[in-house]
Amino acid sequence: MPDVLDATPYDALLLLSFGGPEGPDDVVPFLENVTRGRGIPKERLKEVGQHYFLFGGVSPINDQNRALLEVLRKDFAGHGLDLPVYWGNRNWAPYLTDTLREMAADGRRRVLVLATSAYASYSGCRQYRENLADALATLEAEGLAVPRVDKLRHYFNHPGFVEPMADGVVASLAELPEDVREGAHIAFTTHSIPTASADTSGPAEEHGDGGAYVRQHLEVARLVADAVRERTGTEHPWQLVYQSRSGAPHIPWLEPDICDHLEERHAAGVPAVVMAPIGFVSDHMEVLYDLDTEASARARELGLPVRRSATVGADARFAAAIRDLVVERAAVERGQDVTPCALGALGPSHQVCPVGCCPARSPRPAAAGADSPYA
């Protein structure tokens, strides 16, 4: 990293996240935003909302984003990186369109976007880009100056993302009873998606058999498992498993599910399991409910000791990784030679999503990519 941190030509960073309700009255309207256009009845949304009502109708994701914002701003200021950080959500306040409108009013013209999703997939990348295009179209229709937006590359294999997760697994292993610790299995978890979406994730040349989505998660699982072995001196068996399936039962989704996996591991005589949610940046609702509540309850029924390791959240190393990615992308835009930081065999991800990357279910404009109408 250079001695002088230069974000030129960028004049702002936008933290772009999913959003979540912040009280019981927000739950159904929030779910209506998430499922808009799918024709899901309100009564069904109330059933789905029970996960949120168990936690007072509050998703932790907004507070976690506030914590990340604070850490990012502190890190940038402490390292002399003069770049304001804004925050917008896809599905709840502060809404993306409102934030971009504020940025336009503040005179921001070149914006870098940090999405709170580390991997390639339609829902984890292109859908964010579609939401950006929708918001920019709204600003354009209002006669506002539309900023150019560029998305930071996927950071799944950046050491600032991998190393905190490895520390979390080591800490969780240490919390297990000593007599089951050495034989503990690591279940690396991520969000299940339809296999058809997984197969078309990433650039076109990476499509097929799980696509970039599965390949990237397997790489992170291996990197974390290797780091755990180096730090503990023990080789723990591991597997990539899935959680939070929400689709129709007749559509194939990635498997095995974490609860099924716990049953299978228990039947195989595994003495304990650490659940490591590598697919999630922070401990939001799908971590709190699907792992801490549902999967942990199933483990108790089985008599299987489990621990759930921490996500990256607002770890200072993650903030430093984002700073590194910002400086890297700015240098690329200035035409300078850079050596992107990445662990493992896959190398750094592309800086700009190419045409055909994580294709949409139906064609929609997407910003911050090679096919952006707002280049």
Protein backbone atom coordinates (compact mmCIF):
# COMPACT_ATOMS: atom_id res chain seq x y z
CA MET A 1 0.00 0.00 0.00
CA PRO A 2 1.41 3.46 -0.87
CA ASP A 3 2.55 5.88 1.84
CA VAL A 4 0.02 8.49 0.70
CA LEU A 5 -3.47 7.08 0.38
CA ASP A 6 -5.17 8.55 -2.64
CA ALA A 7 -8.82 7.82 -3.47
CA THR A 8 -8.80 9.94 -6.63
CA PRO A 9 -10.94 9.90 -8.79
CA TYR A 10 -13.46 8.81 -6.16
CA ASP A 11 -15.07 11.30 -3.82
CA ALA A 12 -17.22 8.98 -1.66
CA LEU A 13 -17.75 5.39 -0.53
CA LEU A 14 -21.26 3.96 -0.29
CA LEU A 15 -21.91 1.09 2.11
CA LEU A 16 -24.74 -0.78 0.38
CA SER A 17 -26.60 -3.39 2.42
CA PHE A 18 -29.79 -5.40 2.56
CA GLY A 19 -31.53 -3.55 5.39
CA GLY A 20 -33.80 -4.85 8.10
CA PRO A 21 -36.73 -3.89 10.35
CA GLU A 22 -36.07 -1.93 13.52
CA GLY A 23 -39.33 -2.65 15.33
CA PRO A 24 -42.43 -4.91 15.17
CA ASP A 25 -44.38 -2.47 12.99
CA ASP A 26 -41.58 -2.56 10.41
CA VAL A 27 -41.52 -6.32 9.87
CA VAL A 28 -44.32 -6.85 7.34
CA PRO A 29 -43.59 -3.65 5.34
CA PHE A 30 -39.93 -4.70 5.21
CA LEU A 31 -40.85 -8.17 3.94
CA GLU A 32 -43.16 -6.57 1.39
CA ASN A 33 -40.16 -4.63 0.10
CA VAL A 34 -38.05 -7.78 -0.06
CA THR A 35 -40.70 -9.80 -1.92
CA ARG A 36 -42.20 -7.04 -4.08
CA GLY A 37 -43.50 -8.38 -7.39
CA ARG A 38 -43.78 -11.99 -6.23
CA GLY A 39 -47.45 -11.81 -5.20
CA ILE A 40 -46.91 -13.24 -1.70
CA PRO A 41 -50.01 -12.70 0.51
CA LYS A 42 -49.65 -10.54 3.61
CA GLU A 43 -50.70 -13.43 5.86
CA ARG A 44 -47.78 -15.48 4.56
CA LEU A 45 -45.44 -12.56 5.23
CA LYS A 46 -46.69 -12.44 8.82
CA GLU A 47 -45.78 -16.12 9.19
CA VAL A 48 -42.31 -15.50 7.79
CA GLY A 49 -41.99 -12.49 10.08
CA GLN A 50 -42.18 -14.70 13.17
CA HIS A 51 -38.41 -15.07 12.97
CA TYR A 52 -38.11 -11.32 13.48
CA PHE A 53 -40.82 -11.15 16.14
CA LEU A 54 -38.81 -13.61 18.25
CA PHE A 55 -36.22 -10.83 18.48
CA GLY A 56 -38.65 -7.97 19.15
CA GLY A 57 -39.15 -7.26 15.46
CA VAL A 58 -35.60 -5.94 15.19
CA SER A 59 -33.00 -7.23 12.77
CA PRO A 60 -29.44 -6.73 14.03
CA ILE A 61 -28.18 -5.84 10.56
CA ASN A 62 -28.75 -2.08 10.78
CA ASP A 63 -26.89 -1.72 14.07
CA GLN A 64 -24.10 -3.85 12.66
CA ASN A 65 -23.87 -1.57 9.64
CA ARG A 66 -23.72 1.43 11.96
CA ALA A 67 -20.83 -0.22 13.78
CA LEU A 68 -19.07 -0.93 10.48
CA LEU A 69 -19.58 2.67 9.37
CA GLU A 70 -17.97 3.91 12.57
CA VAL A 71 -14.99 1.58 12.20
CA LEU A 72 -14.52 2.48 8.52
CA ARG A 73 -14.61 6.20 9.20
CA LYS A 74 -12.17 5.82 12.08
CA ASP A 75 -9.83 3.67 9.98
CA PHE A 76 -9.91 6.06 7.01
CA ALA A 77 -9.27 9.09 9.21
CA GLY A 78 -6.47 7.33 11.07
CA HIS A 79 -4.70 6.48 7.82
CA GLY A 80 -5.19 9.81 6.09
CA LEU A 81 -7.69 8.56 3.53
CA ASP A 82 -9.96 11.51 2.84
CA LEU A 83 -13.12 9.77 1.69
CA PRO A 84 -16.59 10.28 3.21
CA VAL A 85 -18.63 7.13 3.82
CA TYR A 86 -22.39 7.00 3.24
CA TRP A 87 -24.87 4.18 3.91
CA GLY A 88 -27.91 3.00 1.95
CA ASN A 89 -30.07 -0.15 2.01
CA ARG A 90 -31.95 -2.07 -0.62
CA ASN A 91 -35.03 -2.86 1.49
CA TRP A 92 -35.26 -0.51 4.47
CA ALA A 93 -34.24 2.91 5.71
CA PRO A 94 -31.88 4.49 4.96
CA TYR A 95 -33.02 3.60 1.44
CA LEU A 96 -30.47 3.47 -1.36
CA THR A 97 -32.30 6.02 -3.52
CA ASP A 98 -32.50 8.51 -0.66
CA THR A 99 -28.81 8.10 0.08
CA LEU A 100 -27.81 8.57 -3.56
CA ARG A 101 -30.02 11.65 -3.68
CA GLU A 102 -28.16 13.00 -0.63
CA MET A 103 -24.83 12.19 -2.26
CA ALA A 104 -25.84 14.01 -5.43
CA ALA A 105 -26.89 17.05 -3.37
CA ASP A 106 -23.49 16.92 -1.65
CA GLY A 107 -21.79 17.08 -5.05
CA ARG A 108 -20.48 13.51 -5.12
CA ARG A 109 -19.70 12.51 -8.70
CA ARG A 110 -17.57 9.35 -8.50
CA VAL A 111 -18.77 6.82 -5.94
CA LEU A 112 -17.27 3.50 -4.89
CA VAL A 113 -19.76 0.93 -3.59
CA LEU A 114 -19.08 -1.64 -0.87
CA ALA A 115 -21.77 -4.33 -0.89
CA THR A 116 -22.17 -6.40 2.28
CA SER A 117 -21.83 -9.60 0.29
CA ALA A 118 -18.39 -11.07 -0.36
CA TYR A 119 -19.17 -13.61 -3.07
CA ALA A 120 -20.40 -13.83 -6.65
CA SER A 121 -24.09 -14.63 -7.18
CA TYR A 122 -27.20 -12.98 -8.56
CA SER A 123 -28.58 -12.06 -5.12
CA GLY A 124 -25.15 -11.21 -3.72
CA CYS A 125 -23.91 -9.02 -6.56
CA ARG A 126 -26.00 -8.40 -9.67
CA GLN A 127 -29.20 -7.68 -7.73
CA TYR A 128 -27.33 -4.95 -5.85
CA ARG A 129 -26.22 -3.59 -9.22
CA GLU A 130 -29.81 -3.66 -10.48
CA ASN A 131 -30.93 -1.73 -7.42
CA LEU A 132 -28.21 0.83 -8.09
CA ALA A 133 -29.44 1.22 -11.68
CA ASP A 134 -33.04 1.68 -10.48
CA ALA A 135 -31.96 4.35 -7.98
CA LEU A 136 -29.84 6.18 -10.54
CA ALA A 137 -32.76 6.14 -12.99
CA THR A 138 -34.92 7.78 -10.33
CA LEU A 139 -32.34 10.54 -9.81
CA GLU A 140 -32.10 11.03 -13.57
CA ALA A 141 -35.89 11.35 -13.84
CA GLU A 142 -35.78 13.97 -11.08
CA GLY A 143 -33.28 16.01 -13.07
CA LEU A 144 -30.45 15.47 -10.61
CA ALA A 145 -26.80 15.01 -11.50
CA VAL A 146 -26.30 11.25 -11.61
CA PRO A 147 -22.99 10.14 -10.06
CA ARG A 148 -20.95 7.39 -11.63
CA VAL A 149 -20.84 4.34 -9.36
CA ASP A 150 -18.26 1.55 -9.33
CA LYS A 151 -18.48 -1.53 -7.13
CA LEU A 152 -15.52 -2.85 -5.16
CA ARG A 153 -14.41 -6.31 -6.25
CA HIS A 154 -15.39 -9.45 -4.36
CA TYR A 155 -13.36 -9.68 -1.17
CA PHE A 156 -14.03 -13.29 -0.11
CA ASN A 157 -10.31 -14.20 -0.19
CA HIS A 158 -8.85 -10.97 1.16
CA PRO A 159 -6.89 -11.69 4.36
CA GLY A 160 -8.87 -9.02 6.20
CA PHE A 161 -11.99 -11.12 5.62
CA VAL A 162 -10.48 -14.60 6.07
CA GLU A 163 -8.32 -14.05 9.15
CA PRO A 164 -11.06 -12.82 11.52
CA MET A 165 -13.15 -15.86 10.60
CA ALA A 166 -10.23 -18.19 11.32
CA ASP A 167 -9.83 -16.54 14.72
CA GLY A 168 -13.54 -17.07 15.34
CA VAL A 169 -13.32 -20.79 14.62
CA VAL A 170 -10.28 -21.17 16.89
CA ALA A 171 -12.15 -19.37 19.68
CA SER A 172 -15.21 -21.58 19.21
CA LEU A 173 -13.12 -24.74 19.33
CA ALA A 174 -11.62 -23.53 22.60
CA GLU A 175 -15.12 -23.14 24.04
CA LEU A 176 -15.95 -26.82 23.43
CA PRO A 177 -15.46 -29.32 26.25
CA GLU A 178 -11.90 -30.58 26.17
CA ASP A 179 -12.90 -34.21 25.66
CA VAL A 180 -14.66 -33.46 22.33
CA ARG A 181 -12.50 -30.58 21.08
CA GLU A 182 -9.87 -32.48 19.11
CA GLY A 183 -12.43 -34.50 17.15
CA ALA A 184 -14.72 -31.57 16.38
CA HIS A 185 -15.97 -31.13 12.84
CA ILE A 186 -16.25 -27.70 11.19
CA ALA A 187 -19.45 -27.00 9.25
CA PHE A 188 -18.82 -23.98 7.04
CA THR A 189 -22.22 -22.46 6.26
CA THR A 190 -23.55 -20.09 3.64
CA HIS A 191 -26.91 -19.13 2.18
CA SER A 192 -28.46 -21.81 0.01
CA ILE A 193 -29.48 -20.59 -3.44
CA PRO A 194 -31.13 -22.39 -6.38
CA THR A 195 -28.64 -24.64 -8.11
CA ALA A 196 -29.48 -22.91 -11.39
CA SER A 197 -28.39 -19.58 -9.88
CA ALA A 198 -25.24 -21.11 -8.45
CA ASP A 199 -24.34 -22.67 -11.81
CA THR A 200 -24.48 -19.27 -13.53
CA SER A 201 -22.69 -17.30 -10.82
CA GLY A 202 -19.56 -15.37 -11.74
CA PRO A 203 -18.24 -14.67 -15.25
CA ALA A 204 -19.54 -16.86 -18.07
CA GLU A 205 -16.32 -18.89 -18.23
CA GLU A 206 -16.86 -19.98 -14.61
CA HIS A 207 -20.46 -21.16 -15.10
CA GLY A 208 -21.46 -24.76 -14.45
CA ASP A 209 -21.39 -27.15 -11.47
CA GLY A 210 -21.96 -24.58 -8.74
CA GLY A 211 -20.25 -21.76 -10.58
CA ALA A 212 -18.15 -19.15 -8.83
CA TYR A 213 -20.48 -19.17 -5.80
CA VAL A 214 -19.61 -22.70 -4.69
CA ARG A 215 -16.00 -22.46 -5.85
CA GLN A 216 -15.36 -19.28 -3.85
CA HIS A 217 -16.96 -20.64 -0.68
CA LEU A 218 -14.96 -23.87 -0.92
CA GLU A 219 -11.81 -21.81 -1.25
CA VAL A 220 -12.61 -19.73 1.84
CA ALA A 221 -13.49 -22.85 3.81
CA ARG A 222 -10.14 -24.38 2.87
CA LEU A 223 -8.26 -21.18 3.74
CA VAL A 224 -9.95 -20.97 7.15
CA ALA A 225 -9.45 -24.69 7.85
CA ASP A 226 -5.76 -24.39 6.95
CA ALA A 227 -5.38 -21.37 9.25
CA VAL A 228 -7.12 -23.23 12.08
CA ARG A 229 -4.76 -26.18 11.66
CA GLU A 230 -1.74 -23.88 11.76
CA ARG A 231 -2.99 -22.14 14.92
CA THR A 232 -4.16 -25.22 16.83
CA GLY A 233 -1.94 -28.00 15.51
CA THR A 234 -5.05 -30.11 14.84
CA GLU A 235 -6.51 -31.14 11.49
CA HIS A 236 -10.28 -30.76 11.83
CA PRO A 237 -12.50 -32.36 9.17
CA TRP A 238 -14.83 -29.89 7.46
CA GLN A 239 -17.60 -29.55 4.91
CA LEU A 240 -19.40 -26.70 3.15
CA VAL A 241 -23.12 -26.79 4.01
CA TYR A 242 -26.07 -24.50 3.45
CA GLN A 243 -28.80 -22.71 5.36
CA SER A 244 -31.76 -20.34 5.03
CA ARG A 245 -33.44 -21.97 2.03
CA SER A 246 -36.60 -20.06 1.16
CA GLY A 247 -37.73 -21.31 -2.24
CA ALA A 248 -40.43 -23.61 -3.56
CA PRO A 249 -39.79 -27.28 -2.68
CA HIS A 250 -39.83 -28.44 -6.33
CA ILE A 251 -36.88 -26.18 -7.25
CA PRO A 252 -33.43 -27.70 -6.57
CA TRP A 253 -31.35 -25.67 -4.09
CA LEU A 254 -27.82 -26.19 -2.82
CA GLU A 255 -27.55 -28.90 -0.16
CA PRO A 256 -26.97 -30.28 2.45
CA ASP A 257 -28.92 -28.13 4.88
CA ILE A 258 -27.13 -27.43 8.16
CA CYS A 259 -29.75 -29.25 10.28
CA ASP A 260 -29.59 -32.34 8.07
CA HIS A 261 -25.82 -32.14 8.24
CA LEU A 262 -25.82 -32.04 12.04
CA GLU A 263 -27.98 -35.17 12.09
CA GLU A 264 -25.66 -36.94 9.65
CA ARG A 265 -22.52 -35.97 11.57
CA HIS A 266 -24.06 -37.11 14.85
CA ALA A 267 -25.04 -40.44 13.31
CA ALA A 268 -21.45 -40.81 12.06
CA GLY A 269 -20.15 -40.44 15.60
CA VAL A 270 -18.69 -36.95 15.37
CA PRO A 271 -18.31 -35.68 18.97
CA ALA A 272 -18.89 -31.95 18.33
CA VAL A 273 -19.40 -29.36 15.57
CA VAL A 274 -18.37 -25.75 15.08
CA MET A 275 -20.75 -23.92 12.75
CA ALA A 276 -18.77 -21.26 10.86
CA PRO A 277 -20.98 -18.85 8.85
CA ILE A 278 -18.41 -17.86 6.23
CA GLY A 279 -21.12 -16.75 3.78
CA PHE A 280 -22.22 -13.82 5.95
CA VAL A 281 -20.46 -10.56 6.70
CA SER A 282 -22.27 -9.99 10.00
CA ASP A 283 -24.50 -11.72 12.56
CA HIS A 284 -27.80 -10.73 10.96
CA MET A 285 -31.14 -12.48 11.30
CA GLU A 286 -30.34 -15.54 9.21
CA VAL A 287 -27.38 -16.22 11.48
CA LEU A 288 -29.26 -15.53 14.71
CA TYR A 289 -32.30 -17.59 13.79
CA ASP A 290 -31.14 -20.31 11.40
CA LEU A 291 -27.96 -21.12 13.31
CA ASP A 292 -28.21 -19.79 16.87
CA THR A 293 -31.88 -20.75 17.23
CA GLU A 294 -32.96 -23.49 14.83
CA ALA A 295 -29.73 -25.43 14.20
CA SER A 296 -28.60 -25.11 17.82
CA ALA A 297 -31.96 -26.47 19.01
CA ARG A 298 -31.59 -29.45 16.69
CA ALA A 299 -28.10 -30.10 18.06
CA ARG A 300 -29.45 -30.04 21.62
CA GLU A 301 -32.10 -32.60 20.66
CA LEU A 302 -29.31 -34.82 19.30
CA GLY A 303 -27.09 -34.28 22.31
CA LEU A 304 -24.41 -32.93 19.98
CA PRO A 305 -22.17 -30.17 21.39
CA VAL A 306 -22.05 -27.22 18.97
CA ARG A 307 -20.59 -23.75 18.91
CA ARG A 308 -21.16 -21.01 16.36
CA SER A 309 -18.14 -18.94 15.39
CA ALA A 310 -18.25 -15.19 14.84
CA THR A 311 -18.70 -13.41 11.54
CA VAL A 312 -16.35 -10.62 10.49
CA GLY A 313 -18.74 -7.80 11.44
CA ALA A 314 -16.90 -4.59 12.30
CA ASP A 315 -13.50 -6.20 12.89
CA ALA A 316 -10.72 -3.65 12.43
CA ARG A 317 -8.97 -5.98 9.98
CA PHE A 318 -12.04 -5.97 7.77
CA ALA A 319 -12.11 -2.16 7.80
CA ALA A 320 -8.43 -2.20 6.83
CA ALA A 321 -9.25 -4.59 3.99
CA ILE A 322 -11.90 -2.20 2.68
CA ARG A 323 -9.37 0.63 2.83
CA ASP A 324 -6.97 -1.54 0.85
CA LEU A 325 -9.64 -2.30 -1.76
CA VAL A 326 -10.54 1.39 -2.09
CA VAL A 327 -6.92 2.43 -2.66
CA GLU A 328 -6.43 -0.49 -5.05
CA ARG A 329 -9.47 0.37 -7.19
CA ALA A 330 -8.61 4.07 -7.24
CA ALA A 331 -5.12 3.25 -8.51
CA VAL A 332 -6.61 1.01 -11.22
CA GLU A 333 -8.88 3.86 -12.32
CA ARG A 334 -5.87 6.16 -12.52
CA GLY A 335 -4.15 3.66 -14.82
CA GLN A 336 -1.50 2.58 -12.31
CA ASP A 337 -0.10 -0.91 -11.93
CA VAL A 338 -1.38 -2.61 -8.77
CA THR A 339 -0.94 -6.01 -7.16
CA PRO A 340 -4.32 -6.91 -5.67
CA CYS A 341 -4.21 -8.66 -2.32
CA ALA A 342 -5.77 -12.13 -2.25
CA LEU A 343 -5.14 -15.43 -0.50
CA GLY A 344 -5.33 -18.89 -2.01
CA ALA A 345 -5.46 -20.35 -5.49
CA LEU A 346 -8.32 -18.38 -7.04
CA GLY A 347 -6.55 -15.03 -6.99
CA PRO A 348 -8.21 -11.62 -6.91
CA SER A 349 -11.66 -11.21 -8.42
CA HIS A 350 -12.37 -9.01 -11.45
CA GLN A 351 -12.53 -5.26 -10.85
CA VAL A 352 -15.55 -4.81 -13.16
CA CYS A 353 -18.35 -7.35 -13.55
CA PRO A 354 -18.27 -8.51 -17.18
CA VAL A 355 -21.27 -8.97 -19.45
CA GLY A 356 -22.98 -12.26 -18.60
CA CYS A 357 -21.73 -12.29 -15.00
CA CYS A 358 -24.38 -13.66 -12.60
CA PRO A 359 -27.16 -13.14 -15.18
CA ALA A 360 -30.57 -11.90 -14.13
CA ARG A 361 -33.66 -14.08 -14.16
CA SER A 362 -35.08 -11.59 -16.65
CA PRO A 363 -33.08 -8.81 -18.32
CA ARG A 364 -32.83 -5.65 -16.20
CA PRO A 365 -30.35 -2.77 -16.30
CA ALA A 366 -27.50 -3.07 -13.83
CA ALA A 367 -25.07 -0.32 -12.86
CA ALA A 368 -21.39 -0.66 -11.92
CA GLY A 369 -20.53 -3.27 -14.53
CA ALA A 370 -19.37 -3.63 -18.13
CA ASP A 371 -23.02 -3.50 -19.23
CA SER A 372 -23.93 -0.45 -17.13
CA PRO A 373 -26.08 2.21 -18.78
CA TYR A 374 -24.42 4.73 -16.43
CA ALA A 375 -20.75 4.24 -17.35
